[in-house]
Amino acid sequence: MTTDFEDFKRALEYLALIEPDPDTCEDYDLAVAPYIERIEEAHAVIRAYGQYLAPSGLGLMQFQLYEVLFAQTDAGAASIMKTAVNTLWDGVGEWNK
């Protein structure tokens, strides 16, 4: 899969957008079930971008993540994005949770 920064950013934004509100969501799996295919696609894009960046080193991987995170105005969205990347990039190149 070929991916770029814009694809990476859109995938993270999508995950933050559809994340259920933990204060009102009683069944997480049920809440995300309608989106599972798109969630898996977003995960694939995020993983592929990490694999693309990995040969250039940890510094570039961190830079790309923080470029997305610093643009967020919602701390909750930034947290969801960071958690997704930490999970999906764990073990990719030098990335560790």
PDB file of N, CA and C in Angstrom:
ATOM      1  N   MET A   1       0.848  -1.180   0.000  1.00  0.00           N
ATOM      2  CA  MET A   1       0.000   0.000   0.000  1.00  0.00           C
ATOM      3  C   MET A   1       0.890   1.238   0.000  1.00  0.00           C
ATOM      4  N   THR A   2       0.607   2.144  -0.907  1.00  0.00           N
ATOM      5  CA  THR A   2       1.316   3.411  -0.960  1.00  0.00           C
ATOM      6  C   THR A   2       0.492   4.444  -0.208  1.00  0.00           C
ATOM      7  N   THR A   3       1.144   5.196   0.627  1.00  0.00           N
ATOM      8  CA  THR A   3       0.447   6.198   1.428  1.00  0.00           C
ATOM      9  C   THR A   3       1.348   7.406   1.619  1.00  0.00           C
ATOM     10  N   ASP A   4       0.755   8.523   1.975  1.00  0.00           N
ATOM     11  CA  ASP A   4       1.529   9.735   2.208  1.00  0.00           C
ATOM     12  C   ASP A   4       1.011  10.440   3.467  1.00  0.00           C
ATOM     13  N   PHE A   5       1.607  11.583   3.767  1.00  0.00           N
ATOM     14  CA  PHE A   5       1.260  12.305   4.985  1.00  0.00           C
ATOM     15  C   PHE A   5      -0.226  12.659   5.035  1.00  0.00           C
ATOM     16  N   GLU A   6      -0.783  13.093   3.915  1.00  0.00           N
ATOM     17  CA  GLU A   6      -2.199  13.481   3.908  1.00  0.00           C
ATOM     18  C   GLU A   6      -3.100  12.289   4.191  1.00  0.00           C
ATOM     19  N   ASP A   7      -2.771  11.130   3.633  1.00  0.00           N
ATOM     20  CA  ASP A   7      -3.540   9.909   3.924  1.00  0.00           C
ATOM     21  C   ASP A   7      -3.450   9.569   5.410  1.00  0.00           C
ATOM     22  N   PHE A   8      -2.244   9.660   5.955  1.00  0.00           N
ATOM     23  CA  PHE A   8      -1.994   9.398   7.375  1.00  0.00           C
ATOM     24  C   PHE A   8      -2.838  10.324   8.251  1.00  0.00           C
ATOM     25  N   LYS A   9      -2.806  11.596   7.929  1.00  0.00           N
ATOM     26  CA  LYS A   9      -3.554  12.594   8.694  1.00  0.00           C
ATOM     27  C   LYS A   9      -5.063  12.330   8.602  1.00  0.00           C
ATOM     28  N   ARG A  10      -5.552  12.058   7.404  1.00  0.00           N
ATOM     29  CA  ARG A  10      -6.991  11.777   7.233  1.00  0.00           C
ATOM     30  C   ARG A  10      -7.409  10.529   8.005  1.00  0.00           C
ATOM     31  N   ALA A  11      -6.577   9.510   7.992  1.00  0.00           N
ATOM     32  CA  ALA A  11      -6.897   8.278   8.731  1.00  0.00           C
ATOM     33  C   ALA A  11      -6.999   8.553  10.223  1.00  0.00           C
ATOM     34  N   LEU A  12      -6.058   9.323  10.758  1.00  0.00           N
ATOM     35  CA  LEU A  12      -6.103   9.658  12.188  1.00  0.00           C
ATOM     36  C   LEU A  12      -7.312  10.518  12.518  1.00  0.00           C
ATOM     37  N   GLU A  13      -7.609  11.480  11.664  1.00  0.00           N
ATOM     38  CA  GLU A  13      -8.774  12.343  11.885  1.00  0.00           C
ATOM     39  C   GLU A  13     -10.065  11.526  11.866  1.00  0.00           C
ATOM     40  N   TYR A  14     -10.134  10.550  10.974  1.00  0.00           N
ATOM     41  CA  TYR A  14     -11.317   9.694  10.905  1.00  0.00           C
ATOM     42  C   TYR A  14     -11.490   8.915  12.213  1.00  0.00           C
ATOM     43  N   LEU A  15     -10.404   8.329  12.695  1.00  0.00           N
ATOM     44  CA  LEU A  15     -10.495   7.559  13.944  1.00  0.00           C
ATOM     45  C   LEU A  15     -10.962   8.432  15.103  1.00  0.00           C
ATOM     46  N   ALA A  16     -10.462   9.656  15.163  1.00  0.00           N
ATOM     47  CA  ALA A  16     -10.875  10.569  16.237  1.00  0.00           C
ATOM     48  C   ALA A  16     -12.347  10.961  16.080  1.00  0.00           C
ATOM     49  N   LEU A  17     -12.771  11.136  14.851  1.00  0.00           N
ATOM     50  CA  LEU A  17     -14.142  11.560  14.583  1.00  0.00           C
ATOM     51  C   LEU A  17     -15.170  10.518  15.003  1.00  0.00           C
ATOM     52  N   ILE A  18     -14.888   9.250  14.761  1.00  0.00           N
ATOM     53  CA  ILE A  18     -15.894   8.220  15.036  1.00  0.00           C
ATOM     54  C   ILE A  18     -15.749   7.588  16.426  1.00  0.00           C
ATOM     55  N   GLU A  19     -14.735   7.982  17.166  1.00  0.00           N
ATOM     56  CA  GLU A  19     -14.532   7.422  18.514  1.00  0.00           C
ATOM     57  C   GLU A  19     -15.725   7.773  19.406  1.00  0.00           C
ATOM     58  N   PRO A  20     -16.368   6.758  19.996  1.00  0.00           N
ATOM     59  CA  PRO A  20     -17.512   7.028  20.872  1.00  0.00           C
ATOM     60  C   PRO A  20     -17.103   7.813  22.119  1.00  0.00           C
ATOM     61  N   ASP A  21     -18.022   8.606  22.605  1.00  0.00           N
ATOM     62  CA  ASP A  21     -17.804   9.371  23.831  1.00  0.00           C
ATOM     63  C   ASP A  21     -17.808   8.397  25.004  1.00  0.00           C
ATOM     64  N   PRO A  22     -16.693   8.305  25.742  1.00  0.00           N
ATOM     65  CA  PRO A  22     -16.625   7.332  26.842  1.00  0.00           C
ATOM     66  C   PRO A  22     -17.625   7.612  27.963  1.00  0.00           C
ATOM     67  N   ASP A  23     -18.105   8.845  28.051  1.00  0.00           N
ATOM     68  CA  ASP A  23     -19.061   9.180  29.109  1.00  0.00           C
ATOM     69  C   ASP A  23     -20.477   8.703  28.793  1.00  0.00           C
ATOM     70  N   THR A  24     -20.762   8.492  27.504  1.00  0.00           N
ATOM     71  CA  THR A  24     -22.120   8.105  27.128  1.00  0.00           C
ATOM     72  C   THR A  24     -22.201   6.750  26.437  1.00  0.00           C
ATOM     73  N   CYS A  25     -21.071   6.176  26.080  1.00  0.00           N
ATOM     74  CA  CYS A  25     -21.058   4.908  25.353  1.00  0.00           C
ATOM     75  C   CYS A  25     -21.094   3.737  26.331  1.00  0.00           C
ATOM     76  N   GLU A  26     -22.121   2.917  26.207  1.00  0.00           N
ATOM     77  CA  GLU A  26     -22.243   1.764  27.090  1.00  0.00           C
ATOM     78  C   GLU A  26     -21.598   0.517  26.503  1.00  0.00           C
ATOM     79  N   ASP A  27     -21.582   0.399  25.170  1.00  0.00           N
ATOM     80  CA  ASP A  27     -21.029  -0.782  24.511  1.00  0.00           C
ATOM     81  C   ASP A  27     -20.149  -0.327  23.351  1.00  0.00           C
ATOM     82  N   TYR A  28     -18.848  -0.269  23.587  1.00  0.00           N
ATOM     83  CA  TYR A  28     -17.904   0.234  22.595  1.00  0.00           C
ATOM     84  C   TYR A  28     -17.977  -0.566  21.295  1.00  0.00           C
ATOM     85  N   ASP A  29     -17.945  -1.884  21.397  1.00  0.00           N
ATOM     86  CA  ASP A  29     -17.954  -2.724  20.198  1.00  0.00           C
ATOM     87  C   ASP A  29     -19.204  -2.480  19.355  1.00  0.00           C
ATOM     88  N   LEU A  30     -20.332  -2.339  19.995  1.00  0.00           N
ATOM     89  CA  LEU A  30     -21.576  -2.071  19.289  1.00  0.00           C
ATOM     90  C   LEU A  30     -21.540  -0.691  18.629  1.00  0.00           C
ATOM     91  N   ALA A  31     -20.965   0.275  19.319  1.00  0.00           N
ATOM     92  CA  ALA A  31     -20.907   1.640  18.791  1.00  0.00           C
ATOM     93  C   ALA A  31     -20.024   1.756  17.553  1.00  0.00           C
ATOM     94  N   VAL A  32     -18.941   1.001  17.509  1.00  0.00           N
ATOM     95  CA  VAL A  32     -18.024   1.106  16.361  1.00  0.00           C
ATOM     96  C   VAL A  32     -18.311   0.082  15.266  1.00  0.00           C
ATOM     97  N   ALA A  33     -19.196  -0.866  15.520  1.00  0.00           N
ATOM     98  CA  ALA A  33     -19.489  -1.930  14.547  1.00  0.00           C
ATOM     99  C   ALA A  33     -19.823  -1.402  13.145  1.00  0.00           C
ATOM    100  N   PRO A  34     -20.625  -0.345  13.013  1.00  0.00           N
ATOM    101  CA  PRO A  34     -20.939   0.136  11.663  1.00  0.00           C
ATOM    102  C   PRO A  34     -19.726   0.694  10.909  1.00  0.00           C
ATOM    103  N   TYR A  35     -18.678   0.987  11.622  1.00  0.00           N
ATOM    104  CA  TYR A  35     -17.497   1.622  11.027  1.00  0.00           C
ATOM    105  C   TYR A  35     -16.303   0.683  10.900  1.00  0.00           C
ATOM    106  N   ILE A  36     -16.468  -0.592  11.240  1.00  0.00           N
ATOM    107  CA  ILE A  36     -15.321  -1.487  11.385  1.00  0.00           C
ATOM    108  C   ILE A  36     -14.488  -1.605  10.111  1.00  0.00           C
ATOM    109  N   GLU A  37     -15.124  -1.646   8.950  1.00  0.00           N
ATOM    110  CA  GLU A  37     -14.361  -1.753   7.710  1.00  0.00           C
ATOM    111  C   GLU A  37     -13.508  -0.511   7.475  1.00  0.00           C
ATOM    112  N   ARG A  38     -14.077   0.659   7.693  1.00  0.00           N
ATOM    113  CA  ARG A  38     -13.313   1.898   7.521  1.00  0.00           C
ATOM    114  C   ARG A  38     -12.236   2.038   8.592  1.00  0.00           C
ATOM    115  N   ILE A  39     -12.503   1.545   9.795  1.00  0.00           N
ATOM    116  CA  ILE A  39     -11.494   1.566  10.857  1.00  0.00           C
ATOM    117  C   ILE A  39     -10.303   0.710  10.450  1.00  0.00           C
ATOM    118  N   GLU A  40     -10.578  -0.474   9.925  1.00  0.00           N
ATOM    119  CA  GLU A  40      -9.500  -1.356   9.479  1.00  0.00           C
ATOM    120  C   GLU A  40      -8.703  -0.717   8.332  1.00  0.00           C
ATOM    121  N   GLU A  41      -9.386  -0.024   7.427  1.00  0.00           N
ATOM    122  CA  GLU A  41      -8.698   0.683   6.340  1.00  0.00           C
ATOM    123  C   GLU A  41      -7.808   1.787   6.903  1.00  0.00           C
ATOM    124  N   ALA A  42      -8.325   2.537   7.873  1.00  0.00           N
ATOM    125  CA  ALA A  42      -7.536   3.604   8.492  1.00  0.00           C
ATOM    126  C   ALA A  42      -6.314   3.017   9.187  1.00  0.00           C
ATOM    127  N   HIS A  43      -6.487   1.910   9.884  1.00  0.00           N
ATOM    128  CA  HIS A  43      -5.358   1.247  10.550  1.00  0.00           C
ATOM    129  C   HIS A  43      -4.306   0.822   9.529  1.00  0.00           C
ATOM    130  N   ALA A  44      -4.742   0.297   8.394  1.00  0.00           N
ATOM    131  CA  ALA A  44      -3.800  -0.133   7.350  1.00  0.00           C
ATOM    132  C   ALA A  44      -3.002   1.049   6.812  1.00  0.00           C
ATOM    133  N   VAL A  45      -3.654   2.181   6.629  1.00  0.00           N
ATOM    134  CA  VAL A  45      -2.970   3.390   6.144  1.00  0.00           C
ATOM    135  C   VAL A  45      -1.933   3.852   7.168  1.00  0.00           C
ATOM    136  N   ILE A  46      -2.319   3.881   8.427  1.00  0.00           N
ATOM    137  CA  ILE A  46      -1.410   4.333   9.489  1.00  0.00           C
ATOM    138  C   ILE A  46      -0.198   3.411   9.589  1.00  0.00           C
ATOM    139  N   ARG A  47      -0.439   2.095   9.558  1.00  0.00           N
ATOM    140  CA  ARG A  47       0.669   1.130   9.593  1.00  0.00           C
ATOM    141  C   ARG A  47       1.594   1.310   8.390  1.00  0.00           C
ATOM    142  N   ALA A  48       0.997   1.427   7.206  1.00  0.00           N
ATOM    143  CA  ALA A  48       1.793   1.568   5.976  1.00  0.00           C
ATOM    144  C   ALA A  48       2.642   2.828   6.016  1.00  0.00           C
ATOM    145  N   TYR A  49       2.107   3.904   6.554  1.00  0.00           N
ATOM    146  CA  TYR A  49       2.885   5.144   6.626  1.00  0.00           C
ATOM    147  C   TYR A  49       4.045   4.988   7.603  1.00  0.00           C
ATOM    148  N   GLY A  50       3.812   4.309   8.693  1.00  0.00           N
ATOM    149  CA  GLY A  50       4.895   4.034   9.635  1.00  0.00           C
ATOM    150  C   GLY A  50       5.996   3.211   8.992  1.00  0.00           C
ATOM    151  N   GLN A  51       5.620   2.200   8.227  1.00  0.00           N
ATOM    152  CA  GLN A  51       6.601   1.363   7.541  1.00  0.00           C
ATOM    153  C   GLN A  51       7.356   2.151   6.473  1.00  0.00           C
ATOM    154  N   TYR A  52       6.663   3.075   5.837  1.00  0.00           N
ATOM    155  CA  TYR A  52       7.305   3.937   4.841  1.00  0.00           C
ATOM    156  C   TYR A  52       8.345   4.856   5.503  1.00  0.00           C
ATOM    157  N   LEU A  53       7.998   5.393   6.669  1.00  0.00           N
ATOM    158  CA  LEU A  53       8.892   6.330   7.355  1.00  0.00           C
ATOM    159  C   LEU A  53      10.040   5.646   8.091  1.00  0.00           C
ATOM    160  N   ALA A  54       9.830   4.434   8.545  1.00  0.00           N
ATOM    161  CA  ALA A  54      10.782   3.747   9.429  1.00  0.00           C
ATOM    162  C   ALA A  54      12.229   3.768   8.941  1.00  0.00           C
ATOM    163  N   PRO A  55      12.514   3.525   7.659  1.00  0.00           N
ATOM    164  CA  PRO A  55      13.913   3.536   7.221  1.00  0.00           C
ATOM    165  C   PRO A  55      14.599   4.900   7.401  1.00  0.00           C
ATOM    166  N   SER A  56      13.789   5.971   7.486  1.00  0.00           N
ATOM    167  CA  SER A  56      14.358   7.312   7.680  1.00  0.00           C
ATOM    168  C   SER A  56      14.617   7.630   9.142  1.00  0.00           C
ATOM    169  N   GLY A  57      14.167   6.761  10.032  1.00  0.00           N
ATOM    170  CA  GLY A  57      14.488   6.910  11.449  1.00  0.00           C
ATOM    171  C   GLY A  57      13.357   7.394  12.332  1.00  0.00           C
ATOM    172  N   LEU A  58      13.580   7.190  13.612  1.00  0.00           N
ATOM    173  CA  LEU A  58      12.608   7.533  14.643  1.00  0.00           C
ATOM    174  C   LEU A  58      12.287   9.028  14.659  1.00  0.00           C
ATOM    175  N   GLY A  59      13.278   9.857  14.432  1.00  0.00           N
ATOM    176  CA  GLY A  59      13.055  11.299  14.469  1.00  0.00           C
ATOM    177  C   GLY A  59      12.008  11.756  13.474  1.00  0.00           C
ATOM    178  N   LEU A  60      12.068  11.239  12.258  1.00  0.00           N
ATOM    179  CA  LEU A  60      11.077  11.613  11.246  1.00  0.00           C
ATOM    180  C   LEU A  60       9.709  11.060  11.609  1.00  0.00           C
ATOM    181  N   MET A  61       9.658   9.849  12.129  1.00  0.00           N
ATOM    182  CA  MET A  61       8.380   9.274  12.545  1.00  0.00           C
ATOM    183  C   MET A  61       7.736  10.154  13.621  1.00  0.00           C
ATOM    184  N   GLN A  62       8.513  10.552  14.603  1.00  0.00           N
ATOM    185  CA  GLN A  62       7.994  11.415  15.666  1.00  0.00           C
ATOM    186  C   GLN A  62       7.545  12.763  15.116  1.00  0.00           C
ATOM    187  N   PHE A  63       8.350  13.322  14.226  1.00  0.00           N
ATOM    188  CA  PHE A  63       8.028  14.619  13.634  1.00  0.00           C
ATOM    189  C   PHE A  63       6.685  14.569  12.917  1.00  0.00           C
ATOM    190  N   GLN A  64       6.460  13.520  12.124  1.00  0.00           N
ATOM    191  CA  GLN A  64       5.213  13.413  11.378  1.00  0.00           C
ATOM    192  C   GLN A  64       4.013  13.262  12.306  1.00  0.00           C
ATOM    193  N   LEU A  65       4.157  12.465  13.352  1.00  0.00           N
ATOM    194  CA  LEU A  65       3.071  12.337  14.318  1.00  0.00           C
ATOM    195  C   LEU A  65       2.784  13.673  14.983  1.00  0.00           C
ATOM    196  N   TYR A  66       3.817  14.337  15.456  1.00  0.00           N
ATOM    197  CA  TYR A  66       3.592  15.587  16.183  1.00  0.00           C
ATOM    198  C   TYR A  66       3.099  16.703  15.279  1.00  0.00           C
ATOM    199  N   GLU A  67       3.395  16.632  14.007  1.00  0.00           N
ATOM    200  CA  GLU A  67       2.835  17.621  13.079  1.00  0.00           C
ATOM    201  C   GLU A  67       1.308  17.512  13.065  1.00  0.00           C
ATOM    202  N   VAL A  68       0.795  16.298  13.120  1.00  0.00           N
ATOM    203  CA  VAL A  68      -0.661  16.101  13.175  1.00  0.00           C
ATOM    204  C   VAL A  68      -1.197  16.486  14.552  1.00  0.00           C
ATOM    205  N   LEU A  69      -0.534  16.039  15.609  1.00  0.00           N
ATOM    206  CA  LEU A  69      -1.037  16.288  16.960  1.00  0.00           C
ATOM    207  C   LEU A  69      -1.078  17.767  17.307  1.00  0.00           C
ATOM    208  N   PHE A  70      -0.045  18.515  16.923  1.00  0.00           N
ATOM    209  CA  PHE A  70       0.004  19.938  17.268  1.00  0.00           C
ATOM    210  C   PHE A  70      -1.049  20.755  16.527  1.00  0.00           C
ATOM    211  N   ALA A  71      -1.597  20.213  15.454  1.00  0.00           N
ATOM    212  CA  ALA A  71      -2.641  20.912  14.706  1.00  0.00           C
ATOM    213  C   ALA A  71      -4.027  20.701  15.322  1.00  0.00           C
ATOM    214  N   GLN A  72      -4.121  19.816  16.297  1.00  0.00           N
ATOM    215  CA  GLN A  72      -5.419  19.511  16.905  1.00  0.00           C
ATOM    216  C   GLN A  72      -5.805  20.564  17.935  1.00  0.00           C
ATOM    217  N   THR A  73      -7.080  20.925  17.922  1.00  0.00           N
ATOM    218  CA  THR A  73      -7.589  21.869  18.921  1.00  0.00           C
ATOM    219  C   THR A  73      -8.317  21.143  20.043  1.00  0.00           C
ATOM    220  N   ASP A  74      -8.554  19.854  19.857  1.00  0.00           N
ATOM    221  CA  ASP A  74      -9.254  19.049  20.850  1.00  0.00           C
ATOM    222  C   ASP A  74      -8.272  18.048  21.458  1.00  0.00           C
ATOM    223  N   ALA A  75      -8.051  18.148  22.747  1.00  0.00           N
ATOM    224  CA  ALA A  75      -7.101  17.257  23.418  1.00  0.00           C
ATOM    225  C   ALA A  75      -7.537  15.801  23.335  1.00  0.00           C
ATOM    226  N   GLY A  76      -8.834  15.555  23.357  1.00  0.00           N
ATOM    227  CA  GLY A  76      -9.335  14.189  23.249  1.00  0.00           C
ATOM    228  C   GLY A  76      -8.987  13.579  21.903  1.00  0.00           C
ATOM    229  N   ALA A  77      -9.155  14.349  20.832  1.00  0.00           N
ATOM    230  CA  ALA A  77      -8.822  13.863  19.490  1.00  0.00           C
ATOM    231  C   ALA A  77      -7.331  13.560  19.394  1.00  0.00           C
ATOM    232  N   ALA A  78      -6.505  14.447  19.932  1.00  0.00           N
ATOM    233  CA  ALA A  78      -5.055  14.239  19.906  1.00  0.00           C
ATOM    234  C   ALA A  78      -4.677  12.972  20.675  1.00  0.00           C
ATOM    235  N   SER A  79      -5.335  12.730  21.782  1.00  0.00           N
ATOM    236  CA  SER A  79      -5.062  11.526  22.582  1.00  0.00           C
ATOM    237  C   SER A  79      -5.433  10.256  21.814  1.00  0.00           C
ATOM    238  N   ILE A  80      -6.574  10.272  21.143  1.00  0.00           N
ATOM    239  CA  ILE A  80      -7.007   9.126  20.342  1.00  0.00           C
ATOM    240  C   ILE A  80      -5.991   8.862  19.233  1.00  0.00           C
ATOM    241  N   MET A  81      -5.538   9.913  18.582  1.00  0.00           N
ATOM    242  CA  MET A  81      -4.572   9.788  17.489  1.00  0.00           C
ATOM    243  C   MET A  81      -3.245   9.222  17.983  1.00  0.00           C
ATOM    244  N   LYS A  82      -2.770   9.760  19.090  1.00  0.00           N
ATOM    245  CA  LYS A  82      -1.480   9.308  19.635  1.00  0.00           C
ATOM    246  C   LYS A  82      -1.563   7.838  20.056  1.00  0.00           C
ATOM    247  N   THR A  83      -2.660   7.459  20.677  1.00  0.00           N
ATOM    248  CA  THR A  83      -2.847   6.072  21.091  1.00  0.00           C
ATOM    249  C   THR A  83      -2.869   5.144  19.876  1.00  0.00           C
ATOM    250  N   ALA A  84      -3.571   5.552  18.829  1.00  0.00           N
ATOM    251  CA  ALA A  84      -3.642   4.731  17.613  1.00  0.00           C
ATOM    252  C   ALA A  84      -2.256   4.533  17.020  1.00  0.00           C
ATOM    253  N   VAL A  85      -1.488   5.608  16.903  1.00  0.00           N
ATOM    254  CA  VAL A  85      -0.148   5.500  16.318  1.00  0.00           C
ATOM    255  C   VAL A  85       0.752   4.646  17.205  1.00  0.00           C
ATOM    256  N   ASN A  86       0.724   4.870  18.494  1.00  0.00           N
ATOM    257  CA  ASN A  86       1.564   4.073  19.392  1.00  0.00           C
ATOM    258  C   ASN A  86       1.243   2.582  19.277  1.00  0.00           C
ATOM    259  N   THR A  87      -0.007   2.259  19.137  1.00  0.00           N
ATOM    260  CA  THR A  87      -0.416   0.858  19.006  1.00  0.00           C
ATOM    261  C   THR A  87      -0.020   0.290  17.650  1.00  0.00           C
ATOM    262  N   LEU A  88      -0.306   1.022  16.587  1.00  0.00           N
ATOM    263  CA  LEU A  88      -0.101   0.512  15.231  1.00  0.00           C
ATOM    264  C   LEU A  88       1.346   0.573  14.762  1.00  0.00           C
ATOM    265  N   TRP A  89       2.137   1.466  15.340  1.00  0.00           N
ATOM    266  CA  TRP A  89       3.545   1.579  14.953  1.00  0.00           C
ATOM    267  C   TRP A  89       4.468   0.835  15.910  1.00  0.00           C
ATOM    268  N   ASP A  90       3.940   0.271  16.982  1.00  0.00           N
ATOM    269  CA  ASP A  90       4.792  -0.422  17.943  1.00  0.00           C
ATOM    270  C   ASP A  90       5.602  -1.506  17.246  1.00  0.00           C
ATOM    271  N   GLY A  91       6.918  -1.412  17.334  1.00  0.00           N
ATOM    272  CA  GLY A  91       7.796  -2.382  16.700  1.00  0.00           C
ATOM    273  C   GLY A  91       8.128  -2.069  15.254  1.00  0.00           C
ATOM    274  N   VAL A  92       7.566  -1.010  14.700  1.00  0.00           N
ATOM    275  CA  VAL A  92       7.892  -0.601  13.326  1.00  0.00           C
ATOM    276  C   VAL A  92       9.142   0.276  13.407  1.00  0.00           C
ATOM    277  N   GLY A  93      10.185  -0.165  12.761  1.00  0.00           N
ATOM    278  CA  GLY A  93      11.444   0.575  12.861  1.00  0.00           C
ATOM    279  C   GLY A  93      11.860   0.657  14.325  1.00  0.00           C
ATOM    280  N   GLU A  94      12.199   1.850  14.757  1.00  0.00           N
ATOM    281  CA  GLU A  94      12.624   2.071  16.146  1.00  0.00           C
ATOM    282  C   GLU A  94      11.474   2.458  17.071  1.00  0.00           C
ATOM    283  N   TRP A  95      10.243   2.465  16.559  1.00  0.00           N
ATOM    284  CA  TRP A  95       9.087   2.922  17.346  1.00  0.00           C
ATOM    285  C   TRP A  95       8.735   1.894  18.413  1.00  0.00           C
ATOM    286  N   ASN A  96       8.596   2.361  19.636  1.00  0.00           N
ATOM    287  CA  ASN A  96       8.124   1.550  20.748  1.00  0.00           C
ATOM    288  C   ASN A  96       7.107   2.350  21.525  1.00  0.00           C
ATOM    289  N   LYS A  97       6.101   1.660  22.017  1.00  0.00           N
ATOM    290  CA  LYS A  97       5.054   2.341  22.808  1.00  0.00           C
ATOM    291  C   LYS A  97       5.650   3.098  23.949  1.00  0.00           C
TER     292      LYS A  97
END
